[in-house]
Protein backbone atom coordinates (compact mmCIF):
# COMPACT_ATOMS: atom_id res chain seq x y z
CA MET A 1 0.25 -0.15 0.38
CA GLY A 2 1.74 2.86 -0.71
CA GLY A 3 1.02 6.42 1.16
CA GLY A 4 -0.73 4.64 4.13
CA ASP A 5 -5.06 5.70 4.34
CA HIS A 6 -6.25 5.91 0.77
CA GLY A 7 -7.49 2.89 -1.42
CA GLY A 8 -8.29 -1.16 0.35
CA ALA A 9 -6.83 0.02 3.60
CA LYS A 10 -8.30 -1.32 6.39
CA GLY A 11 -9.19 1.47 8.96
CA GLU A 12 -11.40 5.00 8.26
CA ILE A 13 -10.53 8.12 10.22
CA SER A 14 -12.80 11.63 10.15
CA TYR A 15 -11.90 14.41 9.23
CA ALA A 16 -11.95 14.79 12.77
CA GLY A 17 -9.77 12.71 13.94
CA ARG A 18 -7.51 13.42 11.39
CA PHE A 19 -6.98 17.13 12.67
CA ALA A 20 -7.09 16.11 16.74
CA SER A 21 -4.04 13.31 15.02
CA SER A 22 -2.03 16.26 13.43
CA ALA A 23 -2.21 18.44 16.33
CA ILE A 24 -1.84 16.35 19.10
CA ALA A 25 1.44 14.95 16.63
CA ALA A 26 2.09 18.55 15.63
CA CYS A 27 2.70 20.11 19.50
CA PHE A 28 4.11 17.13 20.61
CA ALA A 29 7.45 17.86 17.78
CA GLU A 30 7.07 21.81 19.31
CA VAL A 31 7.42 20.73 21.92
CA CYS A 32 10.58 18.74 22.15
CA THR A 33 12.70 20.86 19.47
CA ILE A 34 11.27 24.62 20.65
CA PRO A 35 14.60 25.34 22.12
CA LEU A 36 16.41 24.42 19.04
CA ASP A 37 13.70 27.02 17.15
CA THR A 38 14.33 29.72 20.01
CA ALA A 39 18.66 29.36 18.70
CA LYS A 40 17.35 29.49 14.89
CA VAL A 41 15.83 33.10 15.32
CA ARG A 42 18.70 34.63 17.70
CA LEU A 43 21.01 33.79 15.21
CA GLN A 44 19.12 34.60 11.89
CA LEU A 45 18.39 37.70 13.35
CA GLN A 46 21.67 38.52 14.49
CA LYS A 47 23.48 40.87 11.97
CA THR A 48 27.10 41.54 11.47
CA ALA A 49 27.53 44.25 14.40
CA VAL A 50 30.24 46.60 13.37
CA SER A 51 31.83 49.04 16.05
CA GLY A 52 34.19 51.30 14.92
CA ASP A 53 36.74 49.48 12.56
CA SER A 54 37.00 46.39 14.53
CA VAL A 55 34.15 43.89 13.62
CA VAL A 56 31.92 43.08 16.91
CA LEU A 57 32.32 38.62 17.57
CA PRO A 58 28.46 37.77 17.29
CA LYS A 59 27.33 36.77 20.86
CA TYR A 60 25.82 33.69 19.35
CA ARG A 61 27.83 31.04 18.12
CA GLY A 62 26.74 27.85 16.80
CA MET A 63 23.24 26.11 17.07
CA LEU A 64 24.83 24.28 20.89
CA GLY A 65 26.18 27.72 21.76
CA THR A 66 23.26 29.85 20.87
CA VAL A 67 21.25 27.02 23.08
CA ALA A 68 23.94 27.66 25.93
CA THR A 69 24.15 31.01 25.94
CA ILE A 70 20.55 31.55 26.40
CA ALA A 71 19.78 29.29 29.48
CA ARG A 72 23.50 30.70 31.24
CA GLU A 73 22.50 34.48 30.50
CA GLU A 74 18.56 34.05 30.76
CA GLY A 75 17.77 30.44 32.48
CA LEU A 76 16.79 27.18 31.03
CA ALA A 77 12.90 28.20 30.50
CA ALA A 78 13.70 31.11 28.37
CA LEU A 79 14.63 28.36 25.75
CA TRP A 80 11.05 27.40 25.72
CA LYS A 81 9.99 30.85 25.40
CA GLY A 82 7.84 30.91 22.34
CA VAL A 83 5.85 27.90 23.79
CA VAL A 84 2.34 28.64 23.69
CA PRO A 85 1.74 31.13 20.91
CA GLY A 86 4.34 27.83 19.42
CA LEU A 87 1.56 25.28 21.00
CA HIS A 88 -1.23 27.51 19.10
CA ARG A 89 0.08 27.16 15.97
CA GLN A 90 1.16 23.85 15.99
CA CYS A 91 -2.81 23.33 16.92
CA LEU A 92 -3.88 25.04 13.92
CA PHE A 93 -1.76 25.56 11.74
CA GLY A 94 -0.35 21.52 11.70
CA GLY A 95 -4.00 20.15 12.84
CA LEU A 96 -4.67 21.82 8.80
CA ARG A 97 -1.58 21.33 7.13
CA ILE A 98 -1.27 17.98 8.00
CA GLY A 99 -4.85 16.51 8.99
CA LEU A 100 -6.36 18.16 4.87
CA TYR A 101 -3.44 16.71 2.96
CA GLU A 102 -4.81 13.22 2.52
CA PRO A 103 -7.83 14.24 1.75
CA VAL A 104 -6.76 17.24 -0.52
CA LYS A 105 -4.56 14.76 -2.20
CA ASN A 106 -7.55 12.25 -2.93
CA LEU A 107 -9.67 15.68 -4.57
CA TYR A 108 -7.07 16.07 -6.82
CA VAL A 109 -6.90 12.52 -8.14
CA GLY A 110 -9.97 11.84 -7.85
CA GLU A 111 -12.34 9.69 -5.95
CA ASN A 112 -11.88 5.87 -8.25
CA PHE A 113 -7.94 7.10 -8.47
CA VAL A 114 -5.87 3.07 -8.08
CA GLY A 115 -1.76 2.95 -7.96
CA ASP A 116 0.22 5.84 -6.71
CA VAL A 117 -0.67 9.36 -6.95
CA PRO A 118 2.15 11.35 -9.06
CA LEU A 119 4.09 13.38 -6.68
CA SER A 120 3.37 16.79 -8.61
CA LYS A 121 -0.25 15.96 -7.05
CA LYS A 122 1.59 15.46 -3.75
CA ILE A 123 2.71 18.97 -4.23
CA LEU A 124 0.00 20.66 -5.34
CA ALA A 125 -2.01 19.09 -2.33
CA GLY A 126 1.06 20.42 0.53
CA LEU A 127 1.03 23.67 -1.37
CA THR A 128 -2.77 24.76 -1.29
CA THR A 129 -3.03 23.44 3.00
CA GLY A 130 -0.42 25.02 3.94
CA ALA A 131 -0.39 28.22 2.23
CA LEU A 132 -4.80 27.21 3.63
CA ALA A 133 -3.92 26.91 6.92
CA ILE A 134 -0.82 29.99 7.82
CA SER A 135 -3.07 31.87 6.61
CA ILE A 136 -5.77 31.75 9.60
CA ALA A 137 -2.50 30.51 11.74
CA ASN A 138 -0.33 33.77 10.86
CA PRO A 139 -1.90 35.96 14.10
CA THR A 140 0.38 33.03 16.43
CA ASP A 141 3.39 32.91 14.30
CA LEU A 142 4.02 36.36 14.23
CA VAL A 143 3.57 36.13 18.42
CA LYS A 144 6.45 33.11 18.50
CA VAL A 145 8.62 35.44 16.96
CA ARG A 146 7.84 38.44 18.90
CA LEU A 147 8.52 36.65 21.88
CA GLN A 148 11.59 34.52 21.41
CA ALA A 149 13.12 37.22 19.54
CA GLU A 150 13.76 39.13 22.89
CA GLY A 151 16.48 38.88 24.57
CA LYS A 152 18.19 39.46 27.96
CA LEU A 153 16.74 43.14 28.85
CA PRO A 154 18.93 45.11 30.68
CA PRO A 155 17.93 45.62 34.12
CA GLY A 156 14.18 48.32 34.80
CA VAL A 157 13.42 47.92 30.92
CA PRO A 158 9.99 46.09 31.18
CA ARG A 159 9.26 43.24 28.55
CA ARG A 160 7.32 44.23 25.42
CA TYR A 161 4.80 41.55 26.90
CA SER A 162 4.06 39.27 29.49
CA GLY A 163 2.89 37.08 27.49
CA ALA A 164 1.80 35.23 24.61
CA LEU A 165 -2.44 36.65 25.29
CA ASN A 166 -0.86 39.85 26.40
CA ALA A 167 1.02 39.65 23.07
CA TYR A 168 -2.09 39.25 21.06
CA SER A 169 -4.32 41.90 22.88
CA THR A 170 -1.19 44.72 22.21
CA ILE A 171 -0.12 44.13 19.33
CA VAL A 172 -4.21 44.63 17.77
CA LYS A 173 -4.03 47.56 20.68
CA GLN A 174 -0.52 49.68 19.18
CA GLU A 175 -0.92 48.10 15.92
CA GLY A 176 -4.05 47.32 15.00
CA VAL A 177 -5.90 43.69 13.97
CA ARG A 178 -4.33 43.55 10.64
CA ALA A 179 -0.86 44.15 12.61
CA LEU A 180 -1.26 40.69 13.13
CA TRP A 181 -1.71 39.50 9.36
CA THR A 182 2.23 41.13 9.03
CA GLY A 183 4.11 38.97 6.65
CA ILE A 184 1.41 36.83 5.07
CA GLY A 185 3.22 37.61 1.65
CA PRO A 186 6.69 35.12 2.47
CA ASN A 187 4.45 33.38 5.15
CA VAL A 188 2.12 32.09 3.29
CA ALA A 189 4.65 31.41 0.63
CA ARG A 190 7.56 29.85 2.95
CA ASN A 191 4.74 27.42 4.70
CA ALA A 192 2.84 26.39 1.28
CA ILE A 193 6.87 25.31 -0.52
CA ILE A 194 7.81 23.80 3.26
CA ASN A 195 4.65 22.52 3.71
CA ALA A 196 4.70 20.63 0.10
CA ALA A 197 8.75 20.28 0.32
CA GLU A 198 7.83 17.79 4.17
CA LEU A 199 4.68 16.39 3.38
CA ALA A 200 5.08 15.28 -0.24
CA SER A 201 8.86 13.80 0.33
CA TYR A 202 7.83 11.69 3.18
CA ASP A 203 4.58 10.91 1.41
CA GLN A 204 6.68 9.59 -1.40
CA VAL A 205 10.65 8.38 0.75
CA LYS A 206 7.90 6.45 2.92
CA GLN A 207 6.62 5.32 -0.69
CA THR A 208 9.77 4.52 -2.58
CA ILE A 209 11.47 2.73 0.55
CA LEU A 210 8.02 0.09 1.04
CA LYS A 211 9.42 -0.69 -2.31
CA ILE A 212 12.25 -2.05 -1.04
CA PRO A 213 11.60 -6.18 0.22
CA GLY A 214 12.08 -6.44 3.68
CA PHE A 215 10.89 -2.70 4.80
CA THR A 216 7.35 -2.67 6.05
CA ASP A 217 5.29 0.31 7.00
CA ASN A 218 6.74 0.43 11.01
CA VAL A 219 8.84 2.97 13.19
CA VAL A 220 12.16 2.08 10.90
CA THR A 221 9.99 3.40 7.38
CA HIS A 222 8.80 5.67 9.32
CA LEU A 223 11.91 7.74 11.26
CA PHE A 224 13.91 7.54 7.16
CA SER A 225 10.66 9.10 5.85
CA GLY A 226 10.96 11.87 8.33
CA LEU A 227 14.22 12.55 8.16
CA GLY A 228 14.68 12.63 4.56
CA ALA A 229 11.47 14.94 4.50
CA GLY A 230 13.03 17.47 7.38
CA PHE A 231 16.09 17.37 4.88
CA ILE A 232 14.14 18.58 1.71
CA ALA A 233 12.40 20.80 3.50
CA VAL A 234 15.69 22.53 4.49
CA CYS A 235 16.57 22.89 1.82
CA VAL A 236 13.94 24.27 -0.46
CA GLY A 237 12.99 26.33 2.83
CA SER A 238 16.00 27.93 4.25
CA PRO A 239 16.59 31.34 1.86
CA VAL A 240 12.55 31.64 2.46
CA ASP A 241 13.01 31.01 6.25
CA VAL A 242 16.06 33.65 6.34
CA VAL A 243 13.95 36.28 4.68
CA LYS A 244 10.42 35.52 6.94
CA SER A 245 12.50 35.69 10.16
CA ARG A 246 14.77 38.88 9.21
CA MET A 247 10.66 40.47 8.30
CA MET A 248 9.38 39.81 11.23
CA GLY A 249 11.77 40.80 13.40
CA ASP A 250 12.71 44.11 11.26
CA PRO A 251 10.54 46.72 10.19
CA SER A 252 12.97 48.55 7.56
CA TYR A 253 12.50 46.30 4.80
CA LYS A 254 10.13 47.67 2.61
CA SER A 255 8.82 44.32 0.74
CA THR A 256 10.25 40.57 0.43
CA VAL A 257 12.25 40.84 -2.64
CA ASP A 258 13.88 44.14 -0.92
CA CYS A 259 15.06 41.66 1.93
CA PHE A 260 15.24 38.78 -0.40
CA VAL A 261 18.38 41.74 -2.51
CA LYS A 262 19.36 43.18 0.74
CA THR A 263 20.58 40.03 1.90
CA LEU A 264 22.14 38.81 -1.42
CA LYS A 265 23.84 42.81 -1.08
CA ASN A 266 24.65 42.82 2.01
CA ASP A 267 25.56 39.07 3.38
CA GLY A 268 26.18 37.33 -0.28
CA PRO A 269 24.57 34.31 -1.60
CA LEU A 270 25.53 32.06 1.47
CA ALA A 271 23.70 33.74 3.84
CA PHE A 272 20.35 32.10 2.90
CA TYR A 273 21.52 28.95 4.29
CA LYS A 274 22.78 30.77 7.20
CA GLY A 275 22.36 28.74 10.11
CA PHE A 276 21.37 25.45 7.79
CA ILE A 277 22.69 23.29 10.21
CA PRO A 278 20.58 24.21 13.08
CA ASN A 279 17.55 24.95 10.82
CA PHE A 280 18.16 20.78 9.87
CA GLY A 281 18.39 19.82 13.36
CA ARG A 282 15.98 21.63 14.39
CA LEU A 283 12.79 20.52 11.18
CA GLY A 284 14.65 16.61 10.63
CA SER A 285 13.82 16.56 14.61
CA TRP A 286 10.83 18.23 14.59
CA ASN A 287 9.38 15.89 10.89
CA VAL A 288 11.07 12.52 12.77
CA ILE A 289 8.56 13.06 16.19
CA MET A 290 6.24 14.31 14.42
CA PHE A 291 5.42 11.46 12.25
CA LEU A 292 6.11 8.68 14.18
CA THR A 293 4.24 10.45 16.74
CA LEU A 294 1.40 11.22 13.82
CA GLU A 295 1.96 7.72 12.51
CA GLN A 296 0.84 6.04 16.22
CA VAL A 297 -1.80 8.39 17.53
CA LYS A 298 -3.11 8.17 13.96
CA LYS A 299 -4.09 4.29 15.07
CA LEU A 300 -5.73 5.97 17.70
CA PHE A 301 -8.46 7.24 16.09
CA THR A 302 -8.76 4.74 13.20
CA LYS A 303 -11.99 2.76 13.46
CA GLU A 304 -11.13 -0.35 12.02
CA THR A 305 -13.11 -2.20 9.06
CA PRO A 306 -13.17 -5.14 7.47
CA ALA A 307 -11.19 -5.59 3.96
């Protein structure tokens, strides 16, 4: 059987079941890997500091170095700073983009389709559910980045936001409701692309592995497929991600293109793969945990029907 649960699959799973299992898997992966994500945001927002003629050594160096610096300066809890909006985001965004993927894919190929779904249809389904889900979940993403970007403050300086819910209301009060959808353009592009890269490649890698004699639909297969999905997602998504983090964290860029061009001019093409290793550390582990959890949790929601 290719791709899990279409065709003559034994189990039936409802839309609610799909949504719930996707949301649970996404949230669990988020809690496990958010320290890496916080480190990634700090690394991406760090520009080369120049004072006088000498270049100041960057404060954060490398993924684990950054995690250690944040823990040392701000305490361990600071690594889980964006976790509340992160979980809001995963419930909405993860639940929708992952939960709708199979139904949308089946919609694109038609009811009576038999055989392996072509890769183009998988990519199309991933683009569709990614764009749809982030359009709804953009405010949660913005709040997460704002909370994570705030480093160690000098004594006496109050925090911008006391927590996630306070951040939503403060942003609406100070900047208006539309501000919650700041960065929606690059965010839709990024999430549609990364979603397609993750889900279509997981689907494709899994389908390919299952054709190799000796491999069955088990944890080992899910592990390899998850790693493959993470790697492809990072290769495709890294440039878009750098632009998105810079735009959300720094209001001086006029547009996505402006940010892309300035980054290219000032920092060179390699800047778009800044933090490739931490990004893969984050997305690779996120995907492995999410897909492994998803495949198990889905079983709980699947009603067995005699095939």
